[in-house]
Amino acid sequence: MTWDEEIDARGLLCPLPVLKARKRLAGMAPGAVLRLITTDPAAVVDVPHFCAESGHELMSATEEDGAQIYLIRRRTPG
């Protein structure tokens, strides 16, 4: 899977990974994909909740080398 932009939020704790994702997604084109990398244990709850509340699509959530990797597609208008 490819992505358009990436945030490396390893070492940042709640709520910073989600806040950084929100800010970056706001500046991205509809349908663009953000890759978020985080080690925040709360992200497993926070990221899916953020996507559900904001209308963005959580495309995948995986773990790699002790970090969670999320692919989030920016919502499209309508």
PDB file of N, CA and C in Angstrom:
ATOM      1  N   MET A   1       0.848  -1.188   0.000  1.00  0.00           N
ATOM      2  CA  MET A   1       0.000   0.000   0.000  1.00  0.00           C
ATOM      3  C   MET A   1       0.887   1.242   0.000  1.00  0.00           C
ATOM      4  N   THR A   2       0.503   2.208  -0.767  1.00  0.00           N
ATOM      5  CA  THR A   2       1.247   3.462  -0.809  1.00  0.00           C
ATOM      6  C   THR A   2       0.494   4.529  -0.028  1.00  0.00           C
ATOM      7  N   TRP A   3       1.199   5.571   0.321  1.00  0.00           N
ATOM      8  CA  TRP A   3       0.593   6.684   1.044  1.00  0.00           C
ATOM      9  C   TRP A   3       1.150   7.970   0.484  1.00  0.00           C
ATOM     10  N   ASP A   4       0.463   9.072   0.785  1.00  0.00           N
ATOM     11  CA  ASP A   4       0.841  10.381   0.261  1.00  0.00           C
ATOM     12  C   ASP A   4       1.719  11.161   1.232  1.00  0.00           C
ATOM     13  N   GLU A   5       1.433  11.047   2.523  1.00  0.00           N
ATOM     14  CA  GLU A   5       2.208  11.748   3.545  1.00  0.00           C
ATOM     15  C   GLU A   5       2.389  10.826   4.742  1.00  0.00           C
ATOM     16  N   GLU A   6       3.394  11.145   5.568  1.00  0.00           N
ATOM     17  CA  GLU A   6       3.704  10.304   6.720  1.00  0.00           C
ATOM     18  C   GLU A   6       4.018  11.179   7.927  1.00  0.00           C
ATOM     19  N   ILE A   7       3.578  10.710   9.094  1.00  0.00           N
ATOM     20  CA  ILE A   7       3.938  11.327  10.373  1.00  0.00           C
ATOM     21  C   ILE A   7       4.600  10.258  11.219  1.00  0.00           C
ATOM     22  N   ASP A   8       5.804  10.551  11.690  1.00  0.00           N
ATOM     23  CA  ASP A   8       6.491   9.666  12.631  1.00  0.00           C
ATOM     24  C   ASP A   8       6.295  10.256  14.023  1.00  0.00           C
ATOM     25  N   ALA A   9       5.343   9.691  14.765  1.00  0.00           N
ATOM     26  CA  ALA A   9       4.998  10.194  16.094  1.00  0.00           C
ATOM     27  C   ALA A   9       5.509   9.262  17.189  1.00  0.00           C
ATOM     28  N   ARG A  10       6.537   8.473  16.876  1.00  0.00           N
ATOM     29  CA  ARG A  10       7.101   7.581  17.897  1.00  0.00           C
ATOM     30  C   ARG A  10       7.618   8.419  19.068  1.00  0.00           C
ATOM     31  N   GLY A  11       7.306   7.941  20.267  1.00  0.00           N
ATOM     32  CA  GLY A  11       7.746   8.630  21.481  1.00  0.00           C
ATOM     33  C   GLY A  11       6.773   9.682  21.976  1.00  0.00           C
ATOM     34  N   LEU A  12       5.780  10.052  21.175  1.00  0.00           N
ATOM     35  CA  LEU A  12       4.778  11.033  21.591  1.00  0.00           C
ATOM     36  C   LEU A  12       3.596  10.311  22.227  1.00  0.00           C
ATOM     37  N   LEU A  13       3.062  10.895  23.279  1.00  0.00           N
ATOM     38  CA  LEU A  13       1.946  10.280  23.988  1.00  0.00           C
ATOM     39  C   LEU A  13       0.644  11.021  23.711  1.00  0.00           C
ATOM     40  N   CYS A  14      -0.449  10.358  24.010  1.00  0.00           N
ATOM     41  CA  CYS A  14      -1.796  10.889  23.860  1.00  0.00           C
ATOM     42  C   CYS A  14      -1.881  12.282  24.473  1.00  0.00           C
ATOM     43  N   PRO A  15      -2.448  13.212  23.781  1.00  0.00           N
ATOM     44  CA  PRO A  15      -3.188  13.134  22.522  1.00  0.00           C
ATOM     45  C   PRO A  15      -2.370  13.550  21.289  1.00  0.00           C
ATOM     46  N   LEU A  16      -1.064  13.705  21.431  1.00  0.00           N
ATOM     47  CA  LEU A  16      -0.257  14.277  20.350  1.00  0.00           C
ATOM     48  C   LEU A  16      -0.314  13.523  19.015  1.00  0.00           C
ATOM     49  N   PRO A  17      -0.234  12.183  18.971  1.00  0.00           N
ATOM     50  CA  PRO A  17      -0.308  11.531  17.657  1.00  0.00           C
ATOM     51  C   PRO A  17      -1.598  11.855  16.892  1.00  0.00           C
ATOM     52  N   VAL A  18      -2.730  11.846  17.586  1.00  0.00           N
ATOM     53  CA  VAL A  18      -4.005  12.141  16.936  1.00  0.00           C
ATOM     54  C   VAL A  18      -4.085  13.617  16.554  1.00  0.00           C
ATOM     55  N   LEU A  19      -3.594  14.503  17.401  1.00  0.00           N
ATOM     56  CA  LEU A  19      -3.618  15.929  17.070  1.00  0.00           C
ATOM     57  C   LEU A  19      -2.767  16.220  15.835  1.00  0.00           C
ATOM     58  N   LYS A  20      -1.607  15.591  15.746  1.00  0.00           N
ATOM     59  CA  LYS A  20      -0.752  15.771  14.571  1.00  0.00           C
ATOM     60  C   LYS A  20      -1.422  15.211  13.318  1.00  0.00           C
ATOM     61  N   ALA A  21      -2.080  14.061  13.449  1.00  0.00           N
ATOM     62  CA  ALA A  21      -2.791  13.473  12.322  1.00  0.00           C
ATOM     63  C   ALA A  21      -3.932  14.381  11.872  1.00  0.00           C
ATOM     64  N   ARG A  22      -4.686  14.912  12.816  1.00  0.00           N
ATOM     65  CA  ARG A  22      -5.803  15.802  12.484  1.00  0.00           C
ATOM     66  C   ARG A  22      -5.312  17.019  11.706  1.00  0.00           C
ATOM     67  N   LYS A  23      -4.250  17.621  12.188  1.00  0.00           N
ATOM     68  CA  LYS A  23      -3.714  18.819  11.534  1.00  0.00           C
ATOM     69  C   LYS A  23      -3.213  18.497  10.121  1.00  0.00           C
ATOM     70  N   ARG A  24      -2.490  17.398   9.964  1.00  0.00           N
ATOM     71  CA  ARG A  24      -1.949  17.042   8.650  1.00  0.00           C
ATOM     72  C   ARG A  24      -3.067  16.695   7.682  1.00  0.00           C
ATOM     73  N   LEU A  25      -4.048  15.904   8.135  1.00  0.00           N
ATOM     74  CA  LEU A  25      -5.159  15.521   7.266  1.00  0.00           C
ATOM     75  C   LEU A  25      -5.947  16.734   6.787  1.00  0.00           C
ATOM     76  N   ALA A  26      -6.065  17.755   7.617  1.00  0.00           N
ATOM     77  CA  ALA A  26      -6.808  18.962   7.240  1.00  0.00           C
ATOM     78  C   ALA A  26      -6.186  19.640   6.024  1.00  0.00           C
ATOM     79  N   GLY A  27      -4.877  19.505   5.846  1.00  0.00           N
ATOM     80  CA  GLY A  27      -4.201  20.130   4.721  1.00  0.00           C
ATOM     81  C   GLY A  27      -4.022  19.234   3.515  1.00  0.00           C
ATOM     82  N   MET A  28      -4.513  18.008   3.606  1.00  0.00           N
ATOM     83  CA  MET A  28      -4.358  17.050   2.505  1.00  0.00           C
ATOM     84  C   MET A  28      -5.593  17.048   1.608  1.00  0.00           C
ATOM     85  N   ALA A  29      -5.405  16.607   0.379  1.00  0.00           N
ATOM     86  CA  ALA A  29      -6.513  16.516  -0.569  1.00  0.00           C
ATOM     87  C   ALA A  29      -7.466  15.388  -0.163  1.00  0.00           C
ATOM     88  N   PRO A  30      -8.756  15.540  -0.434  1.00  0.00           N
ATOM     89  CA  PRO A  30      -9.696  14.447  -0.164  1.00  0.00           C
ATOM     90  C   PRO A  30      -9.251  13.173  -0.879  1.00  0.00           C
ATOM     91  N   GLY A  31      -9.301  12.055  -0.155  1.00  0.00           N
ATOM     92  CA  GLY A  31      -8.901  10.775  -0.713  1.00  0.00           C
ATOM     93  C   GLY A  31      -7.425  10.450  -0.543  1.00  0.00           C
ATOM     94  N   ALA A  32      -6.614  11.437  -0.139  1.00  0.00           N
ATOM     95  CA  ALA A  32      -5.188  11.195   0.082  1.00  0.00           C
ATOM     96  C   ALA A  32      -5.008  10.331   1.324  1.00  0.00           C
ATOM     97  N   VAL A  33      -3.884   9.617   1.386  1.00  0.00           N
ATOM     98  CA  VAL A  33      -3.631   8.664   2.469  1.00  0.00           C
ATOM     99  C   VAL A  33      -2.466   9.145   3.334  1.00  0.00           C
ATOM    100  N   LEU A  34      -2.696   9.123   4.645  1.00  0.00           N
ATOM    101  CA  LEU A  34      -1.685   9.477   5.641  1.00  0.00           C
ATOM    102  C   LEU A  34      -1.205   8.202   6.328  1.00  0.00           C
ATOM    103  N   ARG A  35       0.098   8.057   6.468  1.00  0.00           N
ATOM    104  CA  ARG A  35       0.676   6.953   7.242  1.00  0.00           C
ATOM    105  C   ARG A  35       1.130   7.532   8.575  1.00  0.00           C
ATOM    106  N   LEU A  36       0.556   7.036   9.661  1.00  0.00           N
ATOM    107  CA  LEU A  36       0.878   7.483  11.012  1.00  0.00           C
ATOM    108  C   LEU A  36       1.605   6.365  11.741  1.00  0.00           C
ATOM    109  N   ILE A  37       2.792   6.679  12.245  1.00  0.00           N
ATOM    110  CA  ILE A  37       3.595   5.722  13.008  1.00  0.00           C
ATOM    111  C   ILE A  37       3.634   6.224  14.449  1.00  0.00           C
ATOM    112  N   THR A  38       3.266   5.372  15.406  1.00  0.00           N
ATOM    113  CA  THR A  38       3.254   5.786  16.801  1.00  0.00           C
ATOM    114  C   THR A  38       3.589   4.620  17.723  1.00  0.00           C
ATOM    115  N   THR A  39       4.114   4.958  18.885  1.00  0.00           N
ATOM    116  CA  THR A  39       4.362   3.965  19.936  1.00  0.00           C
ATOM    117  C   THR A  39       3.453   4.207  21.136  1.00  0.00           C
ATOM    118  N   ASP A  40       2.532   5.136  21.014  1.00  0.00           N
ATOM    119  CA  ASP A  40       1.605   5.466  22.099  1.00  0.00           C
ATOM    120  C   ASP A  40       0.646   4.305  22.323  1.00  0.00           C
ATOM    121  N   PRO A  41       0.636   3.697  23.525  1.00  0.00           N
ATOM    122  CA  PRO A  41      -0.256   2.570  23.778  1.00  0.00           C
ATOM    123  C   PRO A  41      -1.738   2.927  23.637  1.00  0.00           C
ATOM    124  N   ALA A  42      -2.087   4.189  23.859  1.00  0.00           N
ATOM    125  CA  ALA A  42      -3.486   4.611  23.755  1.00  0.00           C
ATOM    126  C   ALA A  42      -3.941   4.753  22.311  1.00  0.00           C
ATOM    127  N   ALA A  43      -3.028   4.736  21.363  1.00  0.00           N
ATOM    128  CA  ALA A  43      -3.380   4.925  19.953  1.00  0.00           C
ATOM    129  C   ALA A  43      -4.312   3.838  19.435  1.00  0.00           C
ATOM    130  N   VAL A  44      -4.244   2.640  19.989  1.00  0.00           N
ATOM    131  CA  VAL A  44      -5.113   1.557  19.517  1.00  0.00           C
ATOM    132  C   VAL A  44      -6.591   1.891  19.740  1.00  0.00           C
ATOM    133  N   VAL A  45      -6.872   2.754  20.692  1.00  0.00           N
ATOM    134  CA  VAL A  45      -8.234   3.227  20.931  1.00  0.00           C
ATOM    135  C   VAL A  45      -8.438   4.585  20.271  1.00  0.00           C
ATOM    136  N   ASP A  46      -7.473   5.478  20.434  1.00  0.00           N
ATOM    137  CA  ASP A  46      -7.610   6.865  19.978  1.00  0.00           C
ATOM    138  C   ASP A  46      -7.731   7.011  18.466  1.00  0.00           C
ATOM    139  N   VAL A  47      -6.901   6.316  17.714  1.00  0.00           N
ATOM    140  CA  VAL A  47      -6.895   6.499  16.251  1.00  0.00           C
ATOM    141  C   VAL A  47      -8.204   6.004  15.620  1.00  0.00           C
ATOM    142  N   PRO A  48      -8.670   4.781  15.930  1.00  0.00           N
ATOM    143  CA  PRO A  48      -9.961   4.372  15.364  1.00  0.00           C
ATOM    144  C   PRO A  48     -11.109   5.298  15.772  1.00  0.00           C
ATOM    145  N   HIS A  49     -11.104   5.762  17.016  1.00  0.00           N
ATOM    146  CA  HIS A  49     -12.153   6.671  17.488  1.00  0.00           C
ATOM    147  C   HIS A  49     -12.099   7.992  16.719  1.00  0.00           C
ATOM    148  N   PHE A  50     -10.889   8.539  16.550  1.00  0.00           N
ATOM    149  CA  PHE A  50     -10.716   9.776  15.798  1.00  0.00           C
ATOM    150  C   PHE A  50     -11.256   9.618  14.377  1.00  0.00           C
ATOM    151  N   CYS A  51     -10.919   8.522  13.717  1.00  0.00           N
ATOM    152  CA  CYS A  51     -11.376   8.295  12.340  1.00  0.00           C
ATOM    153  C   CYS A  51     -12.899   8.196  12.280  1.00  0.00           C
ATOM    154  N   ALA A  52     -13.485   7.454  13.199  1.00  0.00           N
ATOM    155  CA  ALA A  52     -14.942   7.291  13.221  1.00  0.00           C
ATOM    156  C   ALA A  52     -15.646   8.627  13.454  1.00  0.00           C
ATOM    157  N   GLU A  53     -15.111   9.443  14.350  1.00  0.00           N
ATOM    158  CA  GLU A  53     -15.724  10.725  14.680  1.00  0.00           C
ATOM    159  C   GLU A  53     -15.555  11.760  13.572  1.00  0.00           C
ATOM    160  N   SER A  54     -14.430  11.709  12.860  1.00  0.00           N
ATOM    161  CA  SER A  54     -14.129  12.742  11.860  1.00  0.00           C
ATOM    162  C   SER A  54     -14.528  12.344  10.444  1.00  0.00           C
ATOM    163  N   GLY A  55     -14.876  11.075  10.236  1.00  0.00           N
ATOM    164  CA  GLY A  55     -15.290  10.628   8.919  1.00  0.00           C
ATOM    165  C   GLY A  55     -14.164  10.152   8.026  1.00  0.00           C
ATOM    166  N   HIS A  56     -12.934  10.110   8.543  1.00  0.00           N
ATOM    167  CA  HIS A  56     -11.817   9.581   7.763  1.00  0.00           C
ATOM    168  C   HIS A  56     -11.871   8.056   7.801  1.00  0.00           C
ATOM    169  N   GLU A  57     -11.294   7.422   6.778  1.00  0.00           N
ATOM    170  CA  GLU A  57     -11.304   5.961   6.696  1.00  0.00           C
ATOM    171  C   GLU A  57     -10.009   5.386   7.274  1.00  0.00           C
ATOM    172  N   LEU A  58     -10.141   4.556   8.291  1.00  0.00           N
ATOM    173  CA  LEU A  58      -8.989   3.824   8.818  1.00  0.00           C
ATOM    174  C   LEU A  58      -8.813   2.609   7.914  1.00  0.00           C
ATOM    175  N   MET A  59      -7.837   2.673   7.031  1.00  0.00           N
ATOM    176  CA  MET A  59      -7.641   1.632   6.032  1.00  0.00           C
ATOM    177  C   MET A  59      -6.953   0.408   6.607  1.00  0.00           C
ATOM    178  N   SER A  60      -5.987   0.633   7.511  1.00  0.00           N
ATOM    179  CA  SER A  60      -5.301  -0.499   8.128  1.00  0.00           C
ATOM    180  C   SER A  60      -4.637  -0.058   9.420  1.00  0.00           C
ATOM    181  N   ALA A  61      -4.456  -1.029  10.296  1.00  0.00           N
ATOM    182  CA  ALA A  61      -3.743  -0.835  11.556  1.00  0.00           C
ATOM    183  C   ALA A  61      -2.868  -2.071  11.744  1.00  0.00           C
ATOM    184  N   THR A  62      -1.559  -1.878  11.708  1.00  0.00           N
ATOM    185  CA  THR A  62      -0.629  -2.994  11.843  1.00  0.00           C
ATOM    186  C   THR A  62       0.441  -2.632  12.863  1.00  0.00           C
ATOM    187  N   GLU A  63       1.227  -3.624  13.232  1.00  0.00           N
ATOM    188  CA  GLU A  63       2.342  -3.384  14.153  1.00  0.00           C
ATOM    189  C   GLU A  63       3.631  -3.798  13.451  1.00  0.00           C
ATOM    190  N   GLU A  64       4.663  -2.980  13.651  1.00  0.00           N
ATOM    191  CA  GLU A  64       5.948  -3.228  13.006  1.00  0.00           C
ATOM    192  C   GLU A  64       7.064  -2.687  13.906  1.00  0.00           C
ATOM    193  N   ASP A  65       7.969  -3.548  14.294  1.00  0.00           N
ATOM    194  CA  ASP A  65       9.114  -3.141  15.134  1.00  0.00           C
ATOM    195  C   ASP A  65       8.691  -2.377  16.388  1.00  0.00           C
ATOM    196  N   GLY A  66       7.632  -2.832  17.051  1.00  0.00           N
ATOM    197  CA  GLY A  66       7.183  -2.214  18.297  1.00  0.00           C
ATOM    198  C   GLY A  66       6.389  -0.936  18.130  1.00  0.00           C
ATOM    199  N   ALA A  67       6.057  -0.574  16.909  1.00  0.00           N
ATOM    200  CA  ALA A  67       5.263   0.636  16.653  1.00  0.00           C
ATOM    201  C   ALA A  67       3.970   0.242  15.940  1.00  0.00           C
ATOM    202  N   GLN A  68       2.941   1.034  16.163  1.00  0.00           N
ATOM    203  CA  GLN A  68       1.696   0.842  15.431  1.00  0.00           C
ATOM    204  C   GLN A  68       1.751   1.704  14.177  1.00  0.00           C
ATOM    205  N   ILE A  69       1.296   1.119  13.066  1.00  0.00           N
ATOM    206  CA  ILE A  69       1.275   1.816  11.780  1.00  0.00           C
ATOM    207  C   ILE A  69      -0.179   1.912  11.332  1.00  0.00           C
ATOM    208  N   TYR A  70      -0.645   3.130  11.108  1.00  0.00           N
ATOM    209  CA  TYR A  70      -2.020   3.358  10.671  1.00  0.00           C
ATOM    210  C   TYR A  70      -2.009   4.017   9.299  1.00  0.00           C
ATOM    211  N   LEU A  71      -2.855   3.530   8.417  1.00  0.00           N
ATOM    212  CA  LEU A  71      -3.085   4.187   7.135  1.00  0.00           C
ATOM    213  C   LEU A  71      -4.491   4.774   7.185  1.00  0.00           C
ATOM    214  N   ILE A  72      -4.558   6.089   7.012  1.00  0.00           N
ATOM    215  CA  ILE A  72      -5.817   6.822   7.143  1.00  0.00           C
ATOM    216  C   ILE A  72      -6.087   7.570   5.836  1.00  0.00           C
ATOM    217  N   ARG A  73      -7.254   7.319   5.238  1.00  0.00           N
ATOM    218  CA  ARG A  73      -7.637   8.033   4.021  1.00  0.00           C
ATOM    219  C   ARG A  73      -8.498   9.239   4.411  1.00  0.00           C
ATOM    220  N   ARG A  74      -8.086  10.416   3.930  1.00  0.00           N
ATOM    221  CA  ARG A  74      -8.842  11.635   4.240  1.00  0.00           C
ATOM    222  C   ARG A  74     -10.228  11.531   3.630  1.00  0.00           C
ATOM    223  N   ARG A  75     -11.199  11.951   4.406  1.00  0.00           N
ATOM    224  CA  ARG A  75     -12.589  11.847   3.947  1.00  0.00           C
ATOM    225  C   ARG A  75     -12.809  12.705   2.709  1.00  0.00           C
ATOM    226  N   THR A  76     -13.754  12.290   1.924  1.00  0.00           N
ATOM    227  CA  THR A  76     -14.136  13.072   0.749  1.00  0.00           C
ATOM    228  C   THR A  76     -15.404  13.836   1.086  1.00  0.00           C
ATOM    229  N   PRO A  77     -15.566  15.009   0.545  1.00  0.00           N
ATOM    230  CA  PRO A  77     -16.781  15.809   0.843  1.00  0.00           C
ATOM    231  C   PRO A  77     -18.034  15.066   0.404  1.00  0.00           C
ATOM    232  N   GLY A  78     -19.099  15.332   1.133  1.00  0.00           N
ATOM    233  CA  GLY A  78     -20.381  14.774   0.724  1.00  0.00           C
ATOM    234  C   GLY A  78     -20.867  13.725   1.560  1.00  0.00           C
TER     235      GLY A  78
END
